[in-house]
Amino acid sequence: MIRRVAYLTAGAVAVALVLAGCATALFGEKRAAWRNAEERACVVRRHVRPNQYIERVSRVRDRGACGISRPLKVSAIIGGRVSVGPSAVINCPMTAALESWMYHAVQPAAVAWFGQPVVSVNHMGTYACRRRNNESRARLSEHAFGNAIDISGFKLADGRVVTIKRDWNGDVNARSFLREAFAAACQHFKTVLGPGVRNHSDHFHVDLAHHNKAGTSRYCRPTPSAAPPRRHPIRGVFAAMPEVDPTPTGSVAGAASTPAFAPVPAWPPLPDEIAETR
């Protein structure tokens, strides 16, 4: 009996070691130096200014290279006029790119095709410590760094919701709007994947991955059939839009009064950041 217990104990230890080894193999990928460098540069250059809709939160630490050095919890963008549902935890560069795409491309397209602006952008996921497409042998996903978001649809001012799953091949206005938004995304992000790509029939995956050493290369699939029209931001539309009510529901409710938020401290210095960004 004692011998059997010893064997069982040894077996349990062996299994634990194997599982630990698997975890190391799965998440042992090194964190690229450019990641923290780009997060820091975005903050220093104030590409994103935290407010009641874009809040600094504690550093995300996770397995292996996963995590976000300077994460932001984003409940709305464009000065609180376009809600993000549910609230997204992403890094500073992704927040800046999302706002730029919405302001310069998505809103002008919505006004052109529907005669009204977008009041909410909906997504299926942001931060997640996982591999690409959850495939065991793939590299870590950009989601593992808060450097990606999966856009599932948009809500218009009249309450209509345009989704990628239903409307990519929907009526002419919805179809044209989504294809224009997709083509423009290819100019604002480094990776854009949508319907026609495996596992992306119901969302646009957008991220800021580096595909070459300089980080300048872009990967967009399916390849847009045409470049998006050159449209100008419609500033008057934004001025007329009410701010988002900063509640957990993220609903749009008349010009909400500014809520009382506790002061948000600056991110503390990261002791391992210098070593990571050499």
C-alpha atoms as a PDB file:
ATOM      1  CA  MET A   1       0.000   0.000   0.000  1.00  0.00           C
ATOM      2  CA  ILE A   2       2.813   2.373   0.934  1.00  0.00           C
ATOM      3  CA  ARG A   3       4.587   1.550  -2.333  1.00  0.00           C
ATOM      4  CA  ARG A   4       1.381   2.243  -4.290  1.00  0.00           C
ATOM      5  CA  VAL A   5       0.955   5.635  -2.600  1.00  0.00           C
ATOM      6  CA  ALA A   6       4.562   6.453  -3.414  1.00  0.00           C
ATOM      7  CA  TYR A   7       3.984   5.593  -7.062  1.00  0.00           C
ATOM      8  CA  LEU A   8       0.811   7.708  -7.129  1.00  0.00           C
ATOM      9  CA  THR A   9       2.636  10.648  -5.540  1.00  0.00           C
ATOM     10  CA  ALA A  10       5.491  10.373  -8.005  1.00  0.00           C
ATOM     11  CA  GLY A  11       2.986  10.193 -10.834  1.00  0.00           C
ATOM     12  CA  ALA A  12       1.184  13.304  -9.623  1.00  0.00           C
ATOM     13  CA  VAL A  13       4.487  15.185  -9.420  1.00  0.00           C
ATOM     14  CA  ALA A  14       5.380  14.076 -12.940  1.00  0.00           C
ATOM     15  CA  VAL A  15       2.012  15.239 -14.296  1.00  0.00           C
ATOM     16  CA  ALA A  16       2.426  18.595 -12.547  1.00  0.00           C
ATOM     17  CA  LEU A  17       5.875  19.023 -14.080  1.00  0.00           C
ATOM     18  CA  VAL A  18       4.552  18.148 -17.530  1.00  0.00           C
ATOM     19  CA  LEU A  19       1.700  20.634 -17.168  1.00  0.00           C
ATOM     20  CA  ALA A  20       4.116  23.305 -15.986  1.00  0.00           C
ATOM     21  CA  GLY A  21       6.314  22.575 -18.976  1.00  0.00           C
ATOM     22  CA  CYS A  22       3.324  22.855 -21.288  1.00  0.00           C
ATOM     23  CA  ALA A  23       2.392  26.200 -19.766  1.00  0.00           C
ATOM     24  CA  THR A  24       5.926  27.450 -20.293  1.00  0.00           C
ATOM     25  CA  ALA A  25       5.906  26.193 -23.876  1.00  0.00           C
ATOM     26  CA  LEU A  26       2.533  27.785 -24.536  1.00  0.00           C
ATOM     27  CA  PHE A  27       3.313  31.162 -23.032  1.00  0.00           C
ATOM     28  CA  GLY A  28       7.112  31.292 -23.100  1.00  0.00           C
ATOM     29  CA  GLU A  29       7.213  33.571 -26.166  1.00  0.00           C
ATOM     30  CA  LYS A  30       9.299  36.656 -25.433  1.00  0.00           C
ATOM     31  CA  ARG A  31       7.728  40.098 -25.371  1.00  0.00           C
ATOM     32  CA  ALA A  32       9.031  42.141 -28.308  1.00  0.00           C
ATOM     33  CA  ALA A  33      10.842  45.348 -27.361  1.00  0.00           C
ATOM     34  CA  TRP A  34       8.697  47.507 -29.646  1.00  0.00           C
ATOM     35  CA  ARG A  35       5.552  46.833 -27.625  1.00  0.00           C
ATOM     36  CA  ASN A  36       6.493  48.746 -24.479  1.00  0.00           C
ATOM     37  CA  ALA A  37       8.294  51.364 -26.567  1.00  0.00           C
ATOM     38  CA  GLU A  38       5.132  52.121 -28.566  1.00  0.00           C
ATOM     39  CA  GLU A  39       2.938  52.148 -25.456  1.00  0.00           C
ATOM     40  CA  ARG A  40       5.330  54.602 -23.773  1.00  0.00           C
ATOM     41  CA  ALA A  41       5.565  56.849 -26.845  1.00  0.00           C
ATOM     42  CA  CYS A  42       1.768  56.993 -27.152  1.00  0.00           C
ATOM     43  CA  VAL A  43       1.468  58.150 -23.546  1.00  0.00           C
ATOM     44  CA  VAL A  44       4.350  60.640 -23.681  1.00  0.00           C
ATOM     45  CA  ARG A  45       3.065  62.208 -26.908  1.00  0.00           C
ATOM     46  CA  ARG A  46      -0.474  62.317 -25.464  1.00  0.00           C
ATOM     47  CA  HIS A  47      -2.056  60.569 -28.419  1.00  0.00           C
ATOM     48  CA  VAL A  48      -4.779  59.606 -25.963  1.00  0.00           C
ATOM     49  CA  ARG A  49      -5.908  61.837 -23.101  1.00  0.00           C
ATOM     50  CA  PRO A  50      -7.577  59.935 -20.250  1.00  0.00           C
ATOM     51  CA  ASN A  51     -11.004  61.215 -19.178  1.00  0.00           C
ATOM     52  CA  GLN A  52     -14.146  59.794 -17.617  1.00  0.00           C
ATOM     53  CA  TYR A  53     -14.592  57.519 -20.638  1.00  0.00           C
ATOM     54  CA  ILE A  54     -10.950  56.474 -21.079  1.00  0.00           C
ATOM     55  CA  GLU A  55      -9.505  55.497 -17.718  1.00  0.00           C
ATOM     56  CA  ARG A  56      -6.041  54.352 -16.696  1.00  0.00           C
ATOM     57  CA  VAL A  57      -6.127  50.979 -14.965  1.00  0.00           C
ATOM     58  CA  SER A  58      -3.496  48.851 -13.278  1.00  0.00           C
ATOM     59  CA  ARG A  59      -0.879  47.108 -15.376  1.00  0.00           C
ATOM     60  CA  VAL A  60      -2.105  43.767 -16.714  1.00  0.00           C
ATOM     61  CA  ARG A  61       0.306  40.995 -15.731  1.00  0.00           C
ATOM     62  CA  ASP A  62      -0.351  37.521 -17.088  1.00  0.00           C
ATOM     63  CA  ARG A  63       1.371  34.332 -18.156  1.00  0.00           C
ATOM     64  CA  GLY A  64       4.598  34.614 -20.090  1.00  0.00           C
ATOM     65  CA  ALA A  65       4.733  37.612 -22.411  1.00  0.00           C
ATOM     66  CA  CYS A  66       1.002  38.341 -22.093  1.00  0.00           C
ATOM     67  CA  GLY A  67      -0.061  41.625 -20.559  1.00  0.00           C
ATOM     68  CA  ILE A  68      -0.415  45.385 -21.057  1.00  0.00           C
ATOM     69  CA  SER A  69       2.117  47.850 -19.641  1.00  0.00           C
ATOM     70  CA  ARG A  70      -0.184  50.879 -19.636  1.00  0.00           C
ATOM     71  CA  PRO A  71      -3.747  49.627 -20.136  1.00  0.00           C
ATOM     72  CA  LEU A  72      -6.786  51.793 -20.670  1.00  0.00           C
ATOM     73  CA  LYS A  73     -10.406  50.927 -19.946  1.00  0.00           C
ATOM     74  CA  VAL A  74     -12.364  52.489 -22.785  1.00  0.00           C
ATOM     75  CA  SER A  75     -16.137  52.919 -22.410  1.00  0.00           C
ATOM     76  CA  ALA A  76     -16.519  55.629 -25.087  1.00  0.00           C
ATOM     77  CA  ILE A  77     -14.450  57.519 -27.647  1.00  0.00           C
ATOM     78  CA  ILE A  78     -14.678  60.829 -29.546  1.00  0.00           C
ATOM     79  CA  GLY A  79     -15.114  62.797 -26.348  1.00  0.00           C
ATOM     80  CA  GLY A  80     -17.730  60.392 -25.023  1.00  0.00           C
ATOM     81  CA  ARG A  81     -19.961  60.578 -28.087  1.00  0.00           C
ATOM     82  CA  VAL A  82     -19.475  57.009 -29.337  1.00  0.00           C
ATOM     83  CA  SER A  83     -19.849  54.296 -26.727  1.00  0.00           C
ATOM     84  CA  VAL A  84     -17.755  51.131 -26.797  1.00  0.00           C
ATOM     85  CA  GLY A  85     -19.706  48.097 -25.743  1.00  0.00           C
ATOM     86  CA  PRO A  86     -18.746  46.358 -23.652  1.00  0.00           C
ATOM     87  CA  SER A  87     -15.968  48.510 -22.177  1.00  0.00           C
ATOM     88  CA  ALA A  88     -12.654  47.571 -23.787  1.00  0.00           C
ATOM     89  CA  VAL A  89      -9.301  47.000 -22.068  1.00  0.00           C
ATOM     90  CA  ILE A  90      -6.684  47.893 -24.666  1.00  0.00           C
ATOM     91  CA  ASN A  91      -3.357  49.692 -24.881  1.00  0.00           C
ATOM     92  CA  CYS A  92      -2.803  53.353 -25.737  1.00  0.00           C
ATOM     93  CA  PRO A  93      -1.853  52.878 -29.430  1.00  0.00           C
ATOM     94  CA  MET A  94      -4.978  50.781 -30.091  1.00  0.00           C
ATOM     95  CA  THR A  95      -7.151  53.399 -28.395  1.00  0.00           C
ATOM     96  CA  ALA A  96      -5.652  56.141 -30.563  1.00  0.00           C
ATOM     97  CA  ALA A  97      -6.090  54.091 -33.754  1.00  0.00           C
ATOM     98  CA  LEU A  98      -9.681  53.224 -32.869  1.00  0.00           C
ATOM     99  CA  GLU A  99     -10.554  56.890 -32.310  1.00  0.00           C
ATOM    100  CA  SER A 100      -8.825  57.953 -35.522  1.00  0.00           C
ATOM    101  CA  TRP A 101     -10.641  55.310 -37.594  1.00  0.00           C
ATOM    102  CA  MET A 102     -13.981  56.243 -36.078  1.00  0.00           C
ATOM    103  CA  TYR A 103     -13.500  60.009 -36.517  1.00  0.00           C
ATOM    104  CA  HIS A 104     -11.910  60.092 -39.967  1.00  0.00           C
ATOM    105  CA  ALA A 105     -13.583  57.109 -41.631  1.00  0.00           C
ATOM    106  CA  VAL A 106     -16.485  55.350 -39.911  1.00  0.00           C
ATOM    107  CA  GLN A 107     -18.529  58.428 -38.993  1.00  0.00           C
ATOM    108  CA  PRO A 108     -18.235  60.129 -42.403  1.00  0.00           C
ATOM    109  CA  ALA A 109     -19.203  56.804 -44.033  1.00  0.00           C
ATOM    110  CA  ALA A 110     -22.219  56.412 -41.729  1.00  0.00           C
ATOM    111  CA  VAL A 111     -23.451  59.912 -42.542  1.00  0.00           C
ATOM    112  CA  ALA A 112     -22.899  59.285 -46.263  1.00  0.00           C
ATOM    113  CA  TRP A 113     -24.787  55.973 -46.364  1.00  0.00           C
ATOM    114  CA  PHE A 114     -27.395  56.440 -43.633  1.00  0.00           C
ATOM    115  CA  GLY A 115     -27.646  60.192 -43.120  1.00  0.00           C
ATOM    116  CA  GLN A 116     -26.824  59.785 -39.434  1.00  0.00           C
ATOM    117  CA  PRO A 117     -23.832  59.035 -37.223  1.00  0.00           C
ATOM    118  CA  VAL A 118     -22.752  55.969 -35.285  1.00  0.00           C
ATOM    119  CA  VAL A 119     -23.408  56.235 -31.540  1.00  0.00           C
ATOM    120  CA  SER A 120     -21.926  52.901 -30.465  1.00  0.00           C
ATOM    121  CA  VAL A 121     -19.278  50.474 -31.686  1.00  0.00           C
ATOM    122  CA  ASN A 122     -19.744  46.904 -30.490  1.00  0.00           C
ATOM    123  CA  HIS A 123     -17.013  44.325 -30.111  1.00  0.00           C
ATOM    124  CA  MET A 124     -16.545  40.626 -29.328  1.00  0.00           C
ATOM    125  CA  GLY A 125     -13.305  40.845 -27.389  1.00  0.00           C
ATOM    126  CA  THR A 126     -10.146  42.746 -26.575  1.00  0.00           C
ATOM    127  CA  TYR A 127      -7.531  41.494 -24.079  1.00  0.00           C
ATOM    128  CA  ALA A 128      -7.101  37.717 -23.808  1.00  0.00           C
ATOM    129  CA  CYS A 129      -3.906  35.764 -23.087  1.00  0.00           C
ATOM    130  CA  ARG A 130      -4.206  33.279 -25.941  1.00  0.00           C
ATOM    131  CA  ARG A 131      -2.714  32.174 -29.219  1.00  0.00           C
ATOM    132  CA  ARG A 132      -3.966  33.199 -32.653  1.00  0.00           C
ATOM    133  CA  ASN A 133      -7.310  31.533 -33.380  1.00  0.00           C
ATOM    134  CA  ASN A 134      -6.703  29.555 -30.153  1.00  0.00           C
ATOM    135  CA  GLU A 135      -4.455  27.190 -32.122  1.00  0.00           C
ATOM    136  CA  SER A 136      -1.897  25.446 -29.899  1.00  0.00           C
ATOM    137  CA  ARG A 137       1.077  25.906 -32.243  1.00  0.00           C
ATOM    138  CA  ALA A 138       0.346  29.453 -33.354  1.00  0.00           C
ATOM    139  CA  ARG A 139       2.093  32.587 -32.084  1.00  0.00           C
ATOM    140  CA  LEU A 140       0.535  34.689 -29.371  1.00  0.00           C
ATOM    141  CA  SER A 141      -2.412  36.724 -30.592  1.00  0.00           C
ATOM    142  CA  GLU A 142      -2.258  40.514 -30.501  1.00  0.00           C
ATOM    143  CA  HIS A 143      -5.181  40.181 -28.101  1.00  0.00           C
ATOM    144  CA  ALA A 144      -2.615  38.860 -25.604  1.00  0.00           C
ATOM    145  CA  PHE A 145      -1.085  42.351 -25.528  1.00  0.00           C
ATOM    146  CA  GLY A 146      -4.238  44.481 -25.574  1.00  0.00           C
ATOM    147  CA  ASN A 147      -3.221  45.384 -29.109  1.00  0.00           C
ATOM    148  CA  ALA A 148      -6.350  44.178 -30.919  1.00  0.00           C
ATOM    149  CA  ILE A 149     -10.122  44.430 -30.932  1.00  0.00           C
ATOM    150  CA  ASP A 150     -12.802  42.384 -32.726  1.00  0.00           C
ATOM    151  CA  ILE A 151     -15.503  44.719 -34.061  1.00  0.00           C
ATOM    152  CA  SER A 152     -18.916  43.040 -34.427  1.00  0.00           C
ATOM    153  CA  GLY A 153     -21.115  45.987 -35.421  1.00  0.00           C
ATOM    154  CA  PHE A 154     -22.261  49.574 -35.083  1.00  0.00           C
ATOM    155  CA  LYS A 155     -25.362  51.231 -33.629  1.00  0.00           C
ATOM    156  CA  LEU A 156     -26.744  54.266 -35.440  1.00  0.00           C
ATOM    157  CA  ALA A 157     -28.415  57.322 -33.920  1.00  0.00           C
ATOM    158  CA  ASP A 158     -31.910  56.060 -34.830  1.00  0.00           C
ATOM    159  CA  GLY A 159     -31.293  52.797 -32.973  1.00  0.00           C
ATOM    160  CA  ARG A 160     -30.531  50.614 -35.982  1.00  0.00           C
ATOM    161  CA  VAL A 161     -27.729  48.131 -35.402  1.00  0.00           C
ATOM    162  CA  VAL A 162     -25.531  47.181 -38.366  1.00  0.00           C
ATOM    163  CA  THR A 163     -23.664  43.924 -37.778  1.00  0.00           C
ATOM    164  CA  ILE A 164     -20.897  42.325 -39.777  1.00  0.00           C
ATOM    165  CA  LYS A 165     -22.523  38.902 -39.556  1.00  0.00           C
ATOM    166  CA  ARG A 166     -25.921  39.956 -40.906  1.00  0.00           C
ATOM    167  CA  ASP A 167     -25.147  43.004 -43.024  1.00  0.00           C
ATOM    168  CA  TRP A 168     -21.841  42.275 -44.782  1.00  0.00           C
ATOM    169  CA  ASN A 169     -24.055  41.017 -47.622  1.00  0.00           C
ATOM    170  CA  GLY A 170     -27.153  42.973 -46.557  1.00  0.00           C
ATOM    171  CA  ASP A 171     -28.975  45.859 -48.247  1.00  0.00           C
ATOM    172  CA  VAL A 172     -26.982  48.216 -50.435  1.00  0.00           C
ATOM    173  CA  ASN A 173     -26.469  50.908 -47.785  1.00  0.00           C
ATOM    174  CA  ALA A 174     -25.392  48.551 -45.005  1.00  0.00           C
ATOM    175  CA  ARG A 175     -23.199  46.549 -47.349  1.00  0.00           C
ATOM    176  CA  SER A 176     -21.546  49.661 -48.769  1.00  0.00           C
ATOM    177  CA  PHE A 177     -21.014  51.180 -45.326  1.00  0.00           C
ATOM    178  CA  LEU A 178     -19.339  48.056 -43.936  1.00  0.00           C
ATOM    179  CA  ARG A 179     -17.085  47.633 -46.950  1.00  0.00           C
ATOM    180  CA  GLU A 180     -16.036  51.274 -46.757  1.00  0.00           C
ATOM    181  CA  ALA A 181     -15.349  50.975 -43.015  1.00  0.00           C
ATOM    182  CA  PHE A 182     -13.342  47.803 -43.646  1.00  0.00           C
ATOM    183  CA  ALA A 183     -11.260  49.333 -46.444  1.00  0.00           C
ATOM    184  CA  ALA A 184     -10.550  52.394 -44.296  1.00  0.00           C
ATOM    185  CA  ALA A 185      -9.531  50.165 -41.380  1.00  0.00           C
ATOM    186  CA  CYS A 186      -6.739  48.846 -43.599  1.00  0.00           C
ATOM    187  CA  GLN A 187      -5.289  52.386 -43.555  1.00  0.00           C
ATOM    188  CA  HIS A 188      -5.582  52.877 -39.777  1.00  0.00           C
ATOM    189  CA  PHE A 189      -4.454  49.467 -38.456  1.00  0.00           C
ATOM    190  CA  LYS A 190      -1.616  47.073 -39.312  1.00  0.00           C
ATOM    191  CA  THR A 191      -3.779  43.922 -39.520  1.00  0.00           C
ATOM    192  CA  VAL A 192      -7.405  43.788 -40.648  1.00  0.00           C
ATOM    193  CA  LEU A 193      -9.317  40.527 -41.112  1.00  0.00           C
ATOM    194  CA  GLY A 194     -12.984  40.142 -42.019  1.00  0.00           C
ATOM    195  CA  PRO A 195     -15.600  37.985 -43.747  1.00  0.00           C
ATOM    196  CA  GLY A 196     -13.954  35.633 -46.197  1.00  0.00           C
ATOM    197  CA  VAL A 197     -11.152  34.820 -43.758  1.00  0.00           C
ATOM    198  CA  ARG A 198     -11.547  31.684 -41.641  1.00  0.00           C
ATOM    199  CA  ASN A 199     -13.075  32.392 -38.208  1.00  0.00           C
ATOM    200  CA  HIS A 200     -13.913  36.008 -39.142  1.00  0.00           C
ATOM    201  CA  SER A 201     -17.367  35.784 -40.730  1.00  0.00           C
ATOM    202  CA  ASP A 202     -18.981  37.821 -37.944  1.00  0.00           C
ATOM    203  CA  HIS A 203     -16.406  40.488 -37.076  1.00  0.00           C
ATOM    204  CA  PHE A 204     -13.525  42.686 -38.169  1.00  0.00           C
ATOM    205  CA  HIS A 205     -10.319  41.816 -36.348  1.00  0.00           C
ATOM    206  CA  VAL A 206      -8.055  44.873 -36.229  1.00  0.00           C
ATOM    207  CA  ASP A 207      -4.648  45.136 -34.572  1.00  0.00           C
ATOM    208  CA  LEU A 208      -1.315  46.968 -34.641  1.00  0.00           C
ATOM    209  CA  ALA A 209       1.052  44.007 -35.030  1.00  0.00           C
ATOM    210  CA  HIS A 210       4.499  44.435 -36.582  1.00  0.00           C
ATOM    211  CA  HIS A 211       4.753  42.446 -39.808  1.00  0.00           C
ATOM    212  CA  ASN A 212       8.238  43.672 -40.662  1.00  0.00           C
ATOM    213  CA  LYS A 213      11.190  44.986 -38.675  1.00  0.00           C
ATOM    214  CA  ALA A 214      10.173  48.621 -39.117  1.00  0.00           C
ATOM    215  CA  GLY A 215       6.547  47.948 -38.209  1.00  0.00           C
ATOM    216  CA  THR A 216       5.336  49.651 -41.374  1.00  0.00           C
ATOM    217  CA  SER A 217       3.882  46.683 -43.264  1.00  0.00           C
ATOM    218  CA  ARG A 218       0.109  46.133 -43.360  1.00  0.00           C
ATOM    219  CA  TYR A 219      -1.889  42.934 -43.821  1.00  0.00           C
ATOM    220  CA  CYS A 220      -5.523  43.264 -44.946  1.00  0.00           C
ATOM    221  CA  ARG A 221      -7.685  40.269 -45.893  1.00  0.00           C
ATOM    222  CA  PRO A 222      -9.866  40.021 -47.841  1.00  0.00           C
ATOM    223  CA  THR A 223      -8.219  42.630 -50.024  1.00  0.00           C
ATOM    224  CA  PRO A 224     -10.688  45.510 -50.557  1.00  0.00           C
ATOM    225  CA  SER A 225     -11.952  45.764 -54.124  1.00  0.00           C
ATOM    226  CA  ALA A 226     -11.395  49.531 -54.052  1.00  0.00           C
ATOM    227  CA  ALA A 227      -9.860  52.224 -51.882  1.00  0.00           C
ATOM    228  CA  PRO A 228     -12.325  53.979 -49.577  1.00  0.00           C
ATOM    229  CA  PRO A 229     -13.666  57.365 -50.766  1.00  0.00           C
ATOM    230  CA  ARG A 230     -11.816  60.400 -49.462  1.00  0.00           C
ATOM    231  CA  ARG A 231     -14.220  61.884 -46.972  1.00  0.00           C
ATOM    232  CA  HIS A 232     -13.725  64.689 -44.460  1.00  0.00           C
ATOM    233  CA  PRO A 233     -14.701  64.415 -40.774  1.00  0.00           C
ATOM    234  CA  ILE A 234     -18.115  65.946 -40.182  1.00  0.00           C
ATOM    235  CA  ARG A 235     -17.424  68.092 -37.155  1.00  0.00           C
ATOM    236  CA  GLY A 236     -20.931  69.502 -36.915  1.00  0.00           C
ATOM    237  CA  VAL A 237     -22.339  66.025 -36.450  1.00  0.00           C
ATOM    238  CA  PHE A 238     -20.106  65.407 -33.460  1.00  0.00           C
ATOM    239  CA  ALA A 239     -20.972  68.747 -31.900  1.00  0.00           C
ATOM    240  CA  ALA A 240     -24.675  67.887 -32.072  1.00  0.00           C
ATOM    241  CA  MET A 241     -24.272  64.408 -30.626  1.00  0.00           C
ATOM    242  CA  PRO A 242     -24.926  63.947 -26.899  1.00  0.00           C
ATOM    243  CA  GLU A 243     -22.231  62.527 -24.697  1.00  0.00           C
ATOM    244  CA  VAL A 244     -22.506  58.922 -23.613  1.00  0.00           C
ATOM    245  CA  ASP A 245     -23.924  58.277 -20.161  1.00  0.00           C
ATOM    246  CA  PRO A 246     -20.859  56.684 -18.487  1.00  0.00           C
ATOM    247  CA  THR A 247     -22.772  53.875 -16.804  1.00  0.00           C
ATOM    248  CA  PRO A 248     -22.027  50.142 -17.045  1.00  0.00           C
ATOM    249  CA  THR A 249     -24.655  49.854 -19.783  1.00  0.00           C
ATOM    250  CA  GLY A 250     -22.878  52.468 -21.905  1.00  0.00           C
ATOM    251  CA  SER A 251     -26.231  53.673 -23.227  1.00  0.00           C
ATOM    252  CA  VAL A 252     -26.559  56.986 -24.998  1.00  0.00           C
ATOM    253  CA  ALA A 253     -28.684  59.349 -22.979  1.00  0.00           C
ATOM    254  CA  GLY A 254     -29.091  63.118 -23.670  1.00  0.00           C
ATOM    255  CA  ALA A 255     -26.292  65.437 -22.644  1.00  0.00           C
ATOM    256  CA  ALA A 256     -25.345  63.820 -19.375  1.00  0.00           C
ATOM    257  CA  SER A 257     -23.946  65.863 -16.532  1.00  0.00           C
ATOM    258  CA  THR A 258     -20.304  65.170 -15.796  1.00  0.00           C
ATOM    259  CA  PRO A 259     -20.105  62.495 -13.070  1.00  0.00           C
ATOM    260  CA  ALA A 260     -17.728  62.707 -10.148  1.00  0.00           C
ATOM    261  CA  PHE A 261     -14.684  60.519 -10.722  1.00  0.00           C
ATOM    262  CA  ALA A 262     -11.827  60.035  -8.303  1.00  0.00           C
ATOM    263  CA  PRO A 263      -8.491  61.415  -9.567  1.00  0.00           C
ATOM    264  CA  VAL A 264      -6.590  58.761 -11.501  1.00  0.00           C
ATOM    265  CA  PRO A 265      -2.917  58.493 -10.536  1.00  0.00           C
ATOM    266  CA  ALA A 266      -0.240  58.267 -13.185  1.00  0.00           C
ATOM    267  CA  TRP A 267       1.079  54.818 -14.007  1.00  0.00           C
ATOM    268  CA  PRO A 268       3.970  53.923 -11.697  1.00  0.00           C
ATOM    269  CA  PRO A 269       7.393  53.355 -13.282  1.00  0.00           C
ATOM    270  CA  LEU A 270       7.917  49.777 -14.401  1.00  0.00           C
ATOM    271  CA  PRO A 271      11.099  48.274 -12.915  1.00  0.00           C
ATOM    272  CA  ASP A 272      11.498  45.745 -15.710  1.00  0.00           C
ATOM    273  CA  GLU A 273      10.692  48.105 -18.560  1.00  0.00           C
ATOM    274  CA  ILE A 274      14.251  49.264 -19.296  1.00  0.00           C
ATOM    275  CA  ALA A 275      15.438  45.698 -19.696  1.00  0.00           C
ATOM    276  CA  GLU A 276      12.450  44.869 -21.906  1.00  0.00           C
ATOM    277  CA  THR A 277      12.979  47.785 -24.272  1.00  0.00           C
ATOM    278  CA  ARG A 278      16.710  47.720 -24.877  1.00  0.00           C
END
